[in-house]
């Protein structure tokens, strides 16, 4: 008995509903019809949490649905609908959350594959908004109080969050601990860079996180960020000609100065190959100061570079000052470390 006949025999012998036998040799496996269960939410909210949503329109191209695919938002306490007896295969769909005047409030698109019963969890986003977002929570590093300290034990009152370099938004620390999560703005489905800064009641930063998260179409993702302790540094540059003569930014022809910190043990640069750039303050013999607050504790060589419009280059010399960054210590401008920028 060949494989195709064997599969057909097994399907008949088992009396399996919806069992389909294909003629193609690659597909001689039983496939089954099934029910499709949609479970929906609206920007993370249930039907009874967004009272503006009256119902959901379900559109599946090529399929005739009961009541033309128009369903109540909630039935018997269930936010969704069960659609019966779909043939095996892959289907595209569109869901529309509508108001009491059938006005379009939310929407989402996607696909599902039937090979037996399938459940499709979807989160719709407001019309015109990007179709994804993420939930965030946070953890603090161990300290003398606990291996996994809470907000009070870590001394943190607020956590400020930014996505893709946008404005920081402040949250109560407990909004992201103890099972609670904050929600990002609506985002395109992709990787996004998230920054979290944990501050005490006086606004002083103590912990930081910076890293990528991935969002998905129609399905919010959840991420827990492990913040690390931070310290500060204060550095200033002083310009010199190749003969050692002090220079102003104007005399040196400089508009911008790049700063970086090289880990003395790993050789890694805190700000990558690009560096952290600042305006060169103009004024005779004036030193320019930059204060940093989000550095990991450790020992770093401070490196600086600048290039004038006429091509002159200025470098901090080999053996530039080494700076120790200590957790929760933040030197101010008056304690800045001087670094010479000398014309090459």
Protein backbone atom coordinates (compact mmCIF):
# COMPACT_ATOMS: atom_id res chain seq x y z
CA UNK A 1 0.00 0.00 0.00
CA UNK A 2 1.50 3.35 -1.00
CA UNK A 3 1.74 6.23 1.45
CA UNK A 4 -1.18 8.17 0.00
CA UNK A 5 -3.52 5.18 0.23
CA UNK A 6 -2.26 4.42 3.73
CA UNK A 7 -3.10 7.93 4.93
CA UNK A 8 -6.53 7.73 3.30
CA UNK A 9 -7.12 4.39 4.99
CA UNK A 10 -6.09 5.76 8.40
CA UNK A 11 -8.39 8.74 7.98
CA UNK A 12 -11.35 6.52 7.11
CA UNK A 13 -10.55 3.96 9.77
CA UNK A 14 -10.38 6.63 12.46
CA UNK A 15 -13.50 8.38 11.12
CA UNK A 16 -11.75 11.72 11.67
CA UNK A 17 -13.91 14.71 10.64
CA UNK A 18 -12.24 17.12 8.28
CA UNK A 19 -9.35 14.80 7.50
CA UNK A 20 -8.07 15.81 4.06
CA UNK A 21 -5.79 13.73 1.82
CA UNK A 22 -3.75 15.59 -0.81
CA UNK A 23 -2.50 14.10 -4.04
CA UNK A 24 0.87 15.80 -3.75
CA UNK A 25 3.55 13.39 -2.42
CA UNK A 26 4.91 16.13 -0.13
CA UNK A 27 1.58 16.59 1.56
CA UNK A 28 0.48 13.03 2.31
CA UNK A 29 -0.37 13.85 5.93
CA UNK A 30 -3.83 14.22 7.44
CA UNK A 31 -5.04 17.80 7.94
CA UNK A 32 -8.12 18.70 9.89
CA UNK A 33 -10.89 21.24 9.79
CA UNK A 34 -11.34 23.20 12.99
CA UNK A 35 -13.00 25.99 14.90
CA UNK A 36 -11.37 29.43 15.05
CA UNK A 37 -11.55 31.30 18.35
CA UNK A 38 -10.77 35.02 18.26
CA UNK A 39 -9.94 36.61 21.62
CA UNK A 40 -9.62 40.37 21.36
CA UNK A 41 -8.64 43.44 23.33
CA UNK A 42 -8.30 47.13 22.50
CA UNK A 43 -5.00 48.78 23.29
CA UNK A 44 -4.70 46.30 26.16
CA UNK A 45 -8.23 47.00 27.43
CA UNK A 46 -11.13 44.56 27.77
CA UNK A 47 -14.60 45.28 26.42
CA UNK A 48 -15.85 46.34 29.85
CA UNK A 49 -12.83 48.65 30.26
CA UNK A 50 -13.45 50.59 27.03
CA UNK A 51 -17.18 51.24 27.01
CA UNK A 52 -16.95 53.08 23.67
CA UNK A 53 -16.55 49.74 21.85
CA UNK A 54 -19.92 48.18 21.00
CA UNK A 55 -18.85 45.37 18.71
CA UNK A 56 -16.30 43.83 16.43
CA UNK A 57 -16.51 43.30 12.67
CA UNK A 58 -14.69 40.17 11.51
CA UNK A 59 -13.62 40.08 7.86
CA UNK A 60 -12.09 36.90 6.44
CA UNK A 61 -11.76 37.15 2.64
CA UNK A 62 -13.59 34.33 0.88
CA UNK A 63 -15.63 33.33 3.95
CA UNK A 64 -19.33 34.00 4.61
CA UNK A 65 -19.85 34.63 8.30
CA UNK A 66 -23.02 34.75 10.33
CA UNK A 67 -24.58 38.20 10.70
CA UNK A 68 -22.14 39.41 8.02
CA UNK A 69 -19.30 39.07 10.53
CA UNK A 70 -20.73 41.62 12.98
CA UNK A 71 -20.49 40.49 16.59
CA UNK A 72 -20.97 41.94 20.05
CA UNK A 73 -17.80 42.94 21.83
CA UNK A 74 -18.55 40.56 24.68
CA UNK A 75 -20.82 37.52 24.94
CA UNK A 76 -21.41 35.71 28.23
CA UNK A 77 -18.38 37.41 29.73
CA UNK A 78 -16.11 36.34 26.85
CA UNK A 79 -14.30 39.00 24.81
CA UNK A 80 -14.28 37.24 21.47
CA UNK A 81 -16.09 34.85 19.17
CA UNK A 82 -15.86 31.21 18.12
CA UNK A 83 -16.27 30.55 14.39
CA UNK A 84 -16.99 26.94 13.44
CA UNK A 85 -15.85 24.42 10.82
CA UNK A 86 -13.07 26.02 8.83
CA UNK A 87 -11.39 23.87 6.21
CA UNK A 88 -7.63 23.32 6.66
CA UNK A 89 -5.51 26.14 5.29
CA UNK A 90 -4.15 29.62 5.95
CA UNK A 91 -6.50 32.59 6.13
CA UNK A 92 -5.99 36.34 6.31
CA UNK A 93 -8.28 38.42 8.51
CA UNK A 94 -9.16 41.93 9.54
CA UNK A 95 -10.87 42.91 12.78
CA UNK A 96 -12.57 46.24 13.37
CA UNK A 97 -13.61 47.48 16.80
CA UNK A 98 -16.63 49.73 16.24
CA UNK A 99 -18.67 52.11 18.33
CA UNK A 100 -22.43 52.25 18.82
CA UNK A 101 -22.83 54.18 15.55
CA UNK A 102 -20.65 51.56 13.77
CA UNK A 103 -17.87 54.14 13.68
CA UNK A 104 -14.41 52.59 13.33
CA UNK A 105 -12.40 52.92 16.56
CA UNK A 106 -9.81 50.10 16.49
CA UNK A 107 -8.40 47.77 13.86
CA UNK A 108 -5.88 44.98 13.29
CA UNK A 109 -4.90 42.66 10.45
CA UNK A 110 -3.19 39.29 10.46
CA UNK A 111 -3.45 35.64 9.46
CA UNK A 112 -4.02 32.23 11.01
CA UNK A 113 -3.61 28.61 9.96
CA UNK A 114 -6.24 25.91 10.51
CA UNK A 115 -5.13 22.33 11.15
CA UNK A 116 -7.59 21.51 13.88
CA UNK A 117 -8.95 24.07 16.34
CA UNK A 118 -6.99 27.33 16.59
CA UNK A 119 -7.09 30.34 18.93
CA UNK A 120 -6.09 33.78 17.66
CA UNK A 121 -5.24 36.38 20.34
CA UNK A 122 -5.31 39.90 18.92
CA UNK A 123 -4.95 43.36 20.38
CA UNK A 124 -6.43 46.10 18.22
CA UNK A 125 -4.91 49.56 18.08
CA UNK A 126 -6.70 52.89 17.52
CA UNK A 127 -7.35 53.82 13.92
CA UNK A 128 -4.34 55.67 12.50
CA UNK A 129 -1.98 54.60 15.31
CA UNK A 130 1.01 52.26 14.79
CA UNK A 131 -0.18 48.67 15.29
CA UNK A 132 1.87 47.51 18.29
CA UNK A 133 3.11 48.37 21.77
CA UNK A 134 4.85 46.66 24.68
CA UNK A 135 4.54 46.28 28.44
CA UNK A 136 7.56 47.06 30.63
CA UNK A 137 8.52 46.21 34.19
CA UNK A 138 11.84 46.53 36.02
CA UNK A 139 14.17 44.91 38.51
CA UNK A 140 16.94 46.41 40.65
CA UNK A 141 20.32 44.81 41.33
CA UNK A 142 20.95 43.07 44.68
CA UNK A 143 21.88 45.28 47.62
CA UNK A 144 22.30 44.93 51.36
CA UNK A 145 18.51 44.79 51.84
CA UNK A 146 17.57 42.05 49.42
CA UNK A 147 18.74 39.86 46.55
CA UNK A 148 15.84 41.32 44.57
CA UNK A 149 15.07 44.68 46.21
CA UNK A 150 11.74 46.41 45.74
CA UNK A 151 11.33 50.13 45.15
CA UNK A 152 11.54 51.03 48.84
CA UNK A 153 14.59 48.83 49.45
CA UNK A 154 16.32 50.30 46.39
CA UNK A 155 15.51 53.84 47.52
CA UNK A 156 13.69 54.63 44.28
CA UNK A 157 10.60 56.82 43.97
CA UNK A 158 10.18 57.23 40.21
CA UNK A 159 11.27 55.56 36.99
CA UNK A 160 11.55 57.69 33.86
CA UNK A 161 11.11 55.93 30.51
CA UNK A 162 11.98 56.89 26.94
CA UNK A 163 11.49 54.98 23.67
CA UNK A 164 13.67 55.58 20.60
CA UNK A 165 15.17 58.75 22.03
CA UNK A 166 11.82 60.40 22.71
CA UNK A 167 10.84 62.49 25.69
CA UNK A 168 11.14 60.81 29.08
CA UNK A 169 7.87 60.08 30.87
CA UNK A 170 7.86 59.70 34.65
CA UNK A 171 6.12 56.80 36.40
CA UNK A 172 5.74 55.85 40.02
CA UNK A 173 8.32 53.15 40.74
CA UNK A 174 5.64 50.68 41.83
CA UNK A 175 3.92 50.98 38.43
CA UNK A 176 6.53 48.54 37.12
CA UNK A 177 7.00 46.22 40.10
CA UNK A 178 5.03 43.63 42.03
CA UNK A 179 3.34 42.28 38.92
CA UNK A 180 2.51 45.73 37.56
CA UNK A 181 3.63 46.97 34.12
CA UNK A 182 3.71 50.24 32.25
CA UNK A 183 2.80 50.50 28.58
CA UNK A 184 4.86 52.07 25.82
CA UNK A 185 3.34 54.41 23.24
CA UNK A 186 1.99 52.76 20.10
CA UNK A 187 4.90 51.59 17.96
CA UNK A 188 5.62 50.00 14.62
CA UNK A 189 6.28 46.24 14.87
CA UNK A 190 10.08 46.17 15.13
CA UNK A 191 12.99 46.57 17.52
CA UNK A 192 12.92 49.73 19.63
CA UNK A 193 15.49 51.23 21.99
CA UNK A 194 14.21 51.72 25.54
CA UNK A 195 15.87 53.77 28.28
CA UNK A 196 14.85 53.64 31.94
CA UNK A 197 16.25 55.93 34.63
CA UNK A 198 15.39 55.21 38.28
CA UNK A 199 15.52 58.29 40.52
CA UNK A 200 15.07 58.96 44.21
CA UNK A 201 12.64 61.42 45.75
CA UNK A 202 15.02 64.29 45.06
CA UNK A 203 15.35 63.41 41.38
CA UNK A 204 18.88 61.99 41.64
CA UNK A 205 19.44 59.05 39.25
CA UNK A 206 20.61 55.79 40.84
CA UNK A 207 19.94 53.07 38.27
CA UNK A 208 19.71 52.87 34.48
CA UNK A 209 18.75 50.51 31.67
CA UNK A 210 19.27 50.91 27.93
CA UNK A 211 18.43 48.17 25.45
CA UNK A 212 16.24 46.94 22.61
CA UNK A 213 12.77 45.42 22.84
CA UNK A 214 10.78 43.77 20.06
CA UNK A 215 7.14 44.59 19.37
CA UNK A 216 4.76 42.47 17.28
CA UNK A 217 1.78 43.20 15.10
CA UNK A 218 -1.49 42.88 17.00
CA UNK A 219 0.04 41.21 20.05
CA UNK A 220 1.67 43.25 22.85
CA UNK A 221 4.97 41.89 24.11
CA UNK A 222 6.15 42.01 27.74
CA UNK A 223 9.69 42.83 28.84
CA UNK A 224 11.41 43.01 32.23
CA UNK A 225 14.43 45.32 32.36
CA UNK A 226 17.23 44.62 34.82
CA UNK A 227 18.54 48.06 35.75
CA UNK A 228 22.16 48.52 36.75
CA UNK A 229 23.72 50.88 39.26
CA UNK A 230 25.17 54.05 37.79
CA UNK A 231 27.65 56.68 38.80
CA UNK A 232 28.77 59.99 37.40
CA UNK A 233 31.77 61.76 35.97
CA UNK A 234 32.64 65.35 35.31
CA UNK A 235 35.25 66.16 32.65
CA UNK A 236 36.49 69.26 30.90
CA UNK A 237 38.72 69.91 27.90
CA UNK A 238 41.53 72.43 27.62
CA UNK A 239 42.81 73.23 24.11
CA UNK A 240 46.51 73.50 23.31
CA UNK A 241 48.48 74.14 20.15
CA UNK A 242 51.19 71.65 19.21
CA UNK A 243 53.60 73.98 21.02
CA UNK A 244 51.53 73.93 24.22
CA UNK A 245 49.94 77.37 23.82
CA UNK A 246 46.41 77.61 25.33
CA UNK A 247 43.73 78.15 22.66
CA UNK A 248 40.12 79.23 22.62
CA UNK A 249 37.58 77.32 20.55
CA UNK A 250 37.58 80.21 18.07
CA UNK A 251 41.36 80.24 17.74
CA UNK A 252 41.40 76.46 17.33
CA UNK A 253 38.63 76.63 14.72
CA UNK A 254 36.46 74.15 16.62
CA UNK A 255 32.69 73.92 16.83
CA UNK A 256 32.28 70.48 18.38
CA UNK A 257 34.27 68.17 20.67
CA UNK A 258 33.79 64.39 20.94
CA UNK A 259 34.16 62.58 24.27
CA UNK A 260 34.39 58.88 25.01
CA UNK A 261 35.21 56.57 27.90
CA UNK A 262 37.26 53.41 27.26
CA UNK A 263 36.91 50.64 29.81
CA UNK A 264 40.46 50.06 31.04
CA UNK A 265 39.83 46.32 31.47
CA UNK A 266 37.77 45.40 28.39
CA UNK A 267 38.81 48.16 25.98
CA UNK A 268 35.16 48.79 25.12
CA UNK A 269 34.01 52.34 24.37
CA UNK A 270 30.95 53.57 26.25
CA UNK A 271 29.75 55.63 23.28
CA UNK A 272 30.93 53.31 20.50
CA UNK A 273 33.01 54.53 17.59
CA UNK A 274 30.96 57.69 17.22
CA UNK A 275 31.50 59.24 20.64
CA UNK A 276 29.44 61.77 22.57
CA UNK A 277 29.64 65.23 20.96
CA UNK A 278 29.25 68.66 22.57
CA UNK A 279 29.52 72.26 21.51
CA UNK A 280 32.93 73.80 22.03
CA UNK A 281 32.37 76.81 24.27
CA UNK A 282 34.07 79.90 22.85
CA UNK A 283 36.15 82.21 25.02
CA UNK A 284 39.83 82.90 25.66
CA UNK A 285 41.39 80.05 27.65
CA UNK A 286 37.93 78.90 28.68
CA UNK A 287 37.57 75.27 29.80
CA UNK A 288 34.36 73.45 28.86
CA UNK A 289 32.76 71.07 31.35
CA UNK A 290 30.44 68.11 30.68
CA UNK A 291 28.76 66.21 33.52
CA UNK A 292 27.74 62.56 33.05
CA UNK A 293 25.24 60.72 35.24
CA UNK A 294 24.55 57.37 33.54
CA UNK A 295 27.89 55.54 33.55
CA UNK A 296 28.41 52.01 34.79
CA UNK A 297 30.81 51.86 37.74
CA UNK A 298 34.36 51.06 36.65
CA UNK A 299 37.69 52.55 35.59
CA UNK A 300 37.88 54.40 32.28
CA UNK A 301 40.41 56.23 30.12
CA UNK A 302 38.90 59.53 28.99
CA UNK A 303 39.41 60.09 25.25
CA UNK A 304 38.61 63.26 23.31
CA UNK A 305 38.79 64.33 19.67
CA UNK A 306 37.96 67.41 17.62
CA UNK A 307 38.43 68.49 14.00
CA UNK A 308 38.53 72.08 12.78
CA UNK A 309 36.92 73.25 9.56
CA UNK A 310 40.35 73.71 7.96
CA UNK A 311 41.31 70.09 8.69
CA UNK A 312 43.33 70.61 11.88
CA UNK A 313 42.80 67.72 14.30
CA UNK A 314 43.02 67.73 18.07
CA UNK A 315 43.53 64.60 20.19
CA UNK A 316 43.77 63.78 23.85
CA UNK A 317 47.29 62.31 24.22
CA UNK A 318 48.09 58.71 25.02
CA UNK A 319 48.02 58.21 28.73
CA UNK A 320 45.01 60.49 29.05
CA UNK A 321 43.58 60.76 32.54
CA UNK A 322 41.92 57.71 34.04
CA UNK A 323 38.68 58.23 35.88
CA UNK A 324 36.99 55.98 38.44
CA UNK A 325 33.20 55.88 38.26
CA UNK A 326 31.71 54.87 41.61
CA UNK A 327 28.11 53.71 41.98
CA UNK A 328 25.79 56.45 43.21
CA UNK A 329 28.53 59.11 43.27
CA UNK A 330 28.02 62.07 40.94
CA UNK A 331 30.85 64.65 40.86
CA UNK A 332 29.72 68.13 39.90
CA UNK A 333 31.34 70.72 37.59
CA UNK A 334 33.65 71.95 40.34
CA UNK A 335 35.22 68.47 40.58
CA UNK A 336 35.74 68.08 36.82
CA UNK A 337 38.74 66.16 35.50
CA UNK A 338 40.86 68.18 33.04
CA UNK A 339 41.77 66.60 29.71
CA UNK A 340 44.09 68.30 27.22
CA UNK A 341 43.16 68.43 23.55
CA UNK A 342 46.38 69.00 21.63
CA UNK A 343 46.71 69.89 17.96
CA UNK A 344 48.19 66.98 16.03
